Amino acid sequence: MAIYTAEIIWSRSGQKFIDNRYSRKHILRFDGGIEIAGSSSPHVVPL
């Protein structure tokens, strides 16, 4: 059986976590080393 992995990497860039404001930007990193920029839906995390 094959096993595949992926990571989702969120960055706060020094922002305080308790401010209830969240960046939509993140990076998807796959087990082959490929990284793709991602963004949450504005329906889930408003602009």
PDB file of N, CA and C in Angstrom:
ATOM      1  N   MET A   1       0.841  -1.166   0.000  1.00  0.00           N
ATOM      2  CA  MET A   1       0.000   0.000   0.000  1.00  0.00           C
ATOM      3  C   MET A   1       0.898   1.246   0.000  1.00  0.00           C
ATOM      4  N   ALA A   2       0.538   2.223  -0.795  1.00  0.00           N
ATOM      5  CA  ALA A   2       1.293   3.476  -0.876  1.00  0.00           C
ATOM      6  C   ALA A   2       0.778   4.472   0.156  1.00  0.00           C
ATOM      7  N   ILE A   3       1.679   5.300   0.648  1.00  0.00           N
ATOM      8  CA  ILE A   3       1.313   6.357   1.600  1.00  0.00           C
ATOM      9  C   ILE A   3       1.741   7.689   1.000  1.00  0.00           C
ATOM     10  N   TYR A   4       0.829   8.632   0.962  1.00  0.00           N
ATOM     11  CA  TYR A   4       1.106   9.959   0.444  1.00  0.00           C
ATOM     12  C   TYR A   4       0.849  10.969   1.563  1.00  0.00           C
ATOM     13  N   THR A   5       1.659  12.029   1.602  1.00  0.00           N
ATOM     14  CA  THR A   5       1.475  13.036   2.637  1.00  0.00           C
ATOM     15  C   THR A   5       1.442  14.431   2.021  1.00  0.00           C
ATOM     16  N   ALA A   6       0.809  15.330   2.760  1.00  0.00           N
ATOM     17  CA  ALA A   6       0.770  16.739   2.379  1.00  0.00           C
ATOM     18  C   ALA A   6       0.717  17.553   3.662  1.00  0.00           C
ATOM     19  N   GLU A   7       1.265  18.761   3.590  1.00  0.00           N
ATOM     20  CA  GLU A   7       1.223  19.680   4.732  1.00  0.00           C
ATOM     21  C   GLU A   7       0.491  20.945   4.306  1.00  0.00           C
ATOM     22  N   ILE A   8      -0.206  21.542   5.236  1.00  0.00           N
ATOM     23  CA  ILE A   8      -0.773  22.870   5.031  1.00  0.00           C
ATOM     24  C   ILE A   8      -0.038  23.789   5.988  1.00  0.00           C
ATOM     25  N   ILE A   9       0.617  24.812   5.447  1.00  0.00           N
ATOM     26  CA  ILE A   9       1.454  25.687   6.254  1.00  0.00           C
ATOM     27  C   ILE A   9       0.835  27.073   6.296  1.00  0.00           C
ATOM     28  N   TRP A  10       0.393  27.482   7.496  1.00  0.00           N
ATOM     29  CA  TRP A  10      -0.189  28.804   7.719  1.00  0.00           C
ATOM     30  C   TRP A  10       0.868  29.662   8.387  1.00  0.00           C
ATOM     31  N   SER A  11       0.908  30.928   8.048  1.00  0.00           N
ATOM     32  CA  SER A  11       1.865  31.843   8.651  1.00  0.00           C
ATOM     33  C   SER A  11       1.146  33.070   9.201  1.00  0.00           C
ATOM     34  N   ARG A  12       1.451  33.423  10.440  1.00  0.00           N
ATOM     35  CA  ARG A  12       0.832  34.596  11.059  1.00  0.00           C
ATOM     36  C   ARG A  12       1.687  35.844  10.867  1.00  0.00           C
ATOM     37  N   SER A  13       2.917  35.709  10.436  1.00  0.00           N
ATOM     38  CA  SER A  13       3.824  36.841  10.194  1.00  0.00           C
ATOM     39  C   SER A  13       3.904  37.789  11.388  1.00  0.00           C
ATOM     40  N   GLY A  14       3.986  37.232  12.583  1.00  0.00           N
ATOM     41  CA  GLY A  14       4.137  38.042  13.779  1.00  0.00           C
ATOM     42  C   GLY A  14       2.844  38.622  14.336  1.00  0.00           C
ATOM     43  N   GLN A  15       1.708  38.344  13.701  1.00  0.00           N
ATOM     44  CA  GLN A  15       0.430  38.853  14.201  1.00  0.00           C
ATOM     45  C   GLN A  15       0.019  38.123  15.468  1.00  0.00           C
ATOM     46  N   LYS A  16      -0.672  38.819  16.356  1.00  0.00           N
ATOM     47  CA  LYS A  16      -1.183  38.185  17.567  1.00  0.00           C
ATOM     48  C   LYS A  16      -2.313  37.227  17.202  1.00  0.00           C
ATOM     49  N   PHE A  17      -2.349  36.085  17.874  1.00  0.00           N
ATOM     50  CA  PHE A  17      -3.367  35.086  17.572  1.00  0.00           C
ATOM     51  C   PHE A  17      -4.723  35.461  18.159  1.00  0.00           C
ATOM     52  N   ILE A  18      -4.734  36.238  19.230  1.00  0.00           N
ATOM     53  CA  ILE A  18      -5.992  36.527  19.927  1.00  0.00           C
ATOM     54  C   ILE A  18      -6.808  37.649  19.283  1.00  0.00           C
ATOM     55  N   ASP A  19      -6.344  38.202  18.164  1.00  0.00           N
ATOM     56  CA  ASP A  19      -7.076  39.304  17.536  1.00  0.00           C
ATOM     57  C   ASP A  19      -8.263  38.839  16.690  1.00  0.00           C
ATOM     58  N   ASN A  20      -8.466  37.517  16.561  1.00  0.00           N
ATOM     59  CA  ASN A  20      -9.562  36.933  15.784  1.00  0.00           C
ATOM     60  C   ASN A  20      -9.558  37.359  14.315  1.00  0.00           C
ATOM     61  N   ARG A  21      -8.397  37.695  13.790  1.00  0.00           N
ATOM     62  CA  ARG A  21      -8.249  38.001  12.368  1.00  0.00           C
ATOM     63  C   ARG A  21      -7.286  36.966  11.796  1.00  0.00           C
ATOM     64  N   TYR A  22      -7.645  36.402  10.668  1.00  0.00           N
ATOM     65  CA  TYR A  22      -6.867  35.297  10.126  1.00  0.00           C
ATOM     66  C   TYR A  22      -6.544  35.538   8.658  1.00  0.00           C
ATOM     67  N   SER A  23      -5.314  35.251   8.293  1.00  0.00           N
ATOM     68  CA  SER A  23      -4.916  35.347   6.895  1.00  0.00           C
ATOM     69  C   SER A  23      -5.504  34.163   6.131  1.00  0.00           C
ATOM     70  N   ARG A  24      -5.900  34.405   4.908  1.00  0.00           N
ATOM     71  CA  ARG A  24      -6.415  33.335   4.057  1.00  0.00           C
ATOM     72  C   ARG A  24      -5.280  32.609   3.349  1.00  0.00           C
ATOM     73  N   LYS A  25      -4.082  33.211   3.328  1.00  0.00           N
ATOM     74  CA  LYS A  25      -2.959  32.648   2.579  1.00  0.00           C
ATOM     75  C   LYS A  25      -2.318  31.476   3.319  1.00  0.00           C
ATOM     76  N   HIS A  26      -1.957  30.466   2.553  1.00  0.00           N
ATOM     77  CA  HIS A  26      -1.233  29.325   3.101  1.00  0.00           C
ATOM     78  C   HIS A  26      -0.483  28.627   1.968  1.00  0.00           C
ATOM     79  N   ILE A  27       0.328  27.664   2.324  1.00  0.00           N
ATOM     80  CA  ILE A  27       1.082  26.889   1.333  1.00  0.00           C
ATOM     81  C   ILE A  27       0.740  25.417   1.505  1.00  0.00           C
ATOM     82  N   LEU A  28       0.498  24.750   0.397  1.00  0.00           N
ATOM     83  CA  LEU A  28       0.290  23.298   0.390  1.00  0.00           C
ATOM     84  C   LEU A  28       1.607  22.676  -0.056  1.00  0.00           C
ATOM     85  N   ARG A  29       2.187  21.827   0.783  1.00  0.00           N
ATOM     86  CA  ARG A  29       3.459  21.164   0.457  1.00  0.00           C
ATOM     87  C   ARG A  29       3.209  19.662   0.373  1.00  0.00           C
ATOM     88  N   PHE A  30       3.527  19.091  -0.778  1.00  0.00           N
ATOM     89  CA  PHE A  30       3.311  17.669  -1.007  1.00  0.00           C
ATOM     90  C   PHE A  30       4.601  16.889  -0.814  1.00  0.00           C
ATOM     91  N   ASP A  31       4.469  15.585  -0.608  1.00  0.00           N
ATOM     92  CA  ASP A  31       5.619  14.754  -0.266  1.00  0.00           C
ATOM     93  C   ASP A  31       6.688  14.706  -1.345  1.00  0.00           C
ATOM     94  N   GLY A  32       6.384  15.082  -2.561  1.00  0.00           N
ATOM     95  CA  GLY A  32       7.396  15.129  -3.612  1.00  0.00           C
ATOM     96  C   GLY A  32       8.181  16.431  -3.621  1.00  0.00           C
ATOM     97  N   GLY A  33       7.849  17.361  -2.694  1.00  0.00           N
ATOM     98  CA  GLY A  33       8.559  18.632  -2.600  1.00  0.00           C
ATOM     99  C   GLY A  33       7.870  19.785  -3.307  1.00  0.00           C
ATOM    100  N   ILE A  34       6.788  19.512  -3.996  1.00  0.00           N
ATOM    101  CA  ILE A  34       6.075  20.577  -4.708  1.00  0.00           C
ATOM    102  C   ILE A  34       5.298  21.421  -3.704  1.00  0.00           C
ATOM    103  N   GLU A  35       5.378  22.746  -3.854  1.00  0.00           N
ATOM    104  CA  GLU A  35       4.628  23.677  -3.008  1.00  0.00           C
ATOM    105  C   GLU A  35       3.695  24.506  -3.882  1.00  0.00           C
ATOM    106  N   ILE A  36       2.461  24.670  -3.423  1.00  0.00           N
ATOM    107  CA  ILE A  36       1.463  25.439  -4.146  1.00  0.00           C
ATOM    108  C   ILE A  36       0.857  26.456  -3.189  1.00  0.00           C
ATOM    109  N   ALA A  37       0.765  27.703  -3.633  1.00  0.00           N
ATOM    110  CA  ALA A  37       0.121  28.737  -2.814  1.00  0.00           C
ATOM    111  C   ALA A  37      -1.374  28.471  -2.773  1.00  0.00           C
ATOM    112  N   GLY A  38      -1.948  28.629  -1.589  1.00  0.00           N
ATOM    113  CA  GLY A  38      -3.378  28.410  -1.426  1.00  0.00           C
ATOM    114  C   GLY A  38      -4.045  29.600  -0.759  1.00  0.00           C
ATOM    115  N   SER A  39      -5.357  29.640  -0.844  1.00  0.00           N
ATOM    116  CA  SER A  39      -6.127  30.697  -0.208  1.00  0.00           C
ATOM    117  C   SER A  39      -7.487  30.128   0.183  1.00  0.00           C
ATOM    118  N   SER A  40      -7.920  30.419   1.409  1.00  0.00           N
ATOM    119  CA  SER A  40      -9.223  29.951   1.866  1.00  0.00           C
ATOM    120  C   SER A  40     -10.333  30.653   1.107  1.00  0.00           C
ATOM    121  N   SER A  41     -11.456  30.021   1.053  1.00  0.00           N
ATOM    122  CA  SER A  41     -12.621  30.625   0.426  1.00  0.00           C
ATOM    123  C   SER A  41     -13.043  31.867   1.195  1.00  0.00           C
ATOM    124  N   PRO A  42     -13.391  32.952   0.494  1.00  0.00           N
ATOM    125  CA  PRO A  42     -13.868  34.144   1.199  1.00  0.00           C
ATOM    126  C   PRO A  42     -15.206  33.908   1.904  1.00  0.00           C
ATOM    127  N   HIS A  43     -15.874  32.782   1.588  1.00  0.00           N
ATOM    128  CA  HIS A  43     -17.105  32.425   2.290  1.00  0.00           C
ATOM    129  C   HIS A  43     -16.811  31.905   3.692  1.00  0.00           C
ATOM    130  N   VAL A  44     -15.609  31.362   3.883  1.00  0.00           N
ATOM    131  CA  VAL A  44     -15.209  30.816   5.177  1.00  0.00           C
ATOM    132  C   VAL A  44     -14.435  31.848   5.998  1.00  0.00           C
ATOM    133  N   VAL A  45     -13.447  32.499   5.372  1.00  0.00           N
ATOM    134  CA  VAL A  45     -12.649  33.545   6.020  1.00  0.00           C
ATOM    135  C   VAL A  45     -12.832  34.808   5.185  1.00  0.00           C
ATOM    136  N   PRO A  46     -13.625  35.778   5.669  1.00  0.00           N
ATOM    137  CA  PRO A  46     -13.895  36.980   4.885  1.00  0.00           C
ATOM    138  C   PRO A  46     -12.632  37.757   4.538  1.00  0.00           C
ATOM    139  N   LEU A  47     -12.705  38.533   3.460  1.00  0.00           N
ATOM    140  CA  LEU A  47     -11.587  39.371   3.044  1.00  0.00           C
ATOM    141  C   LEU A  47     -11.278  40.411   4.102  1.00  0.00           C
TER     142      LEU A  47
END
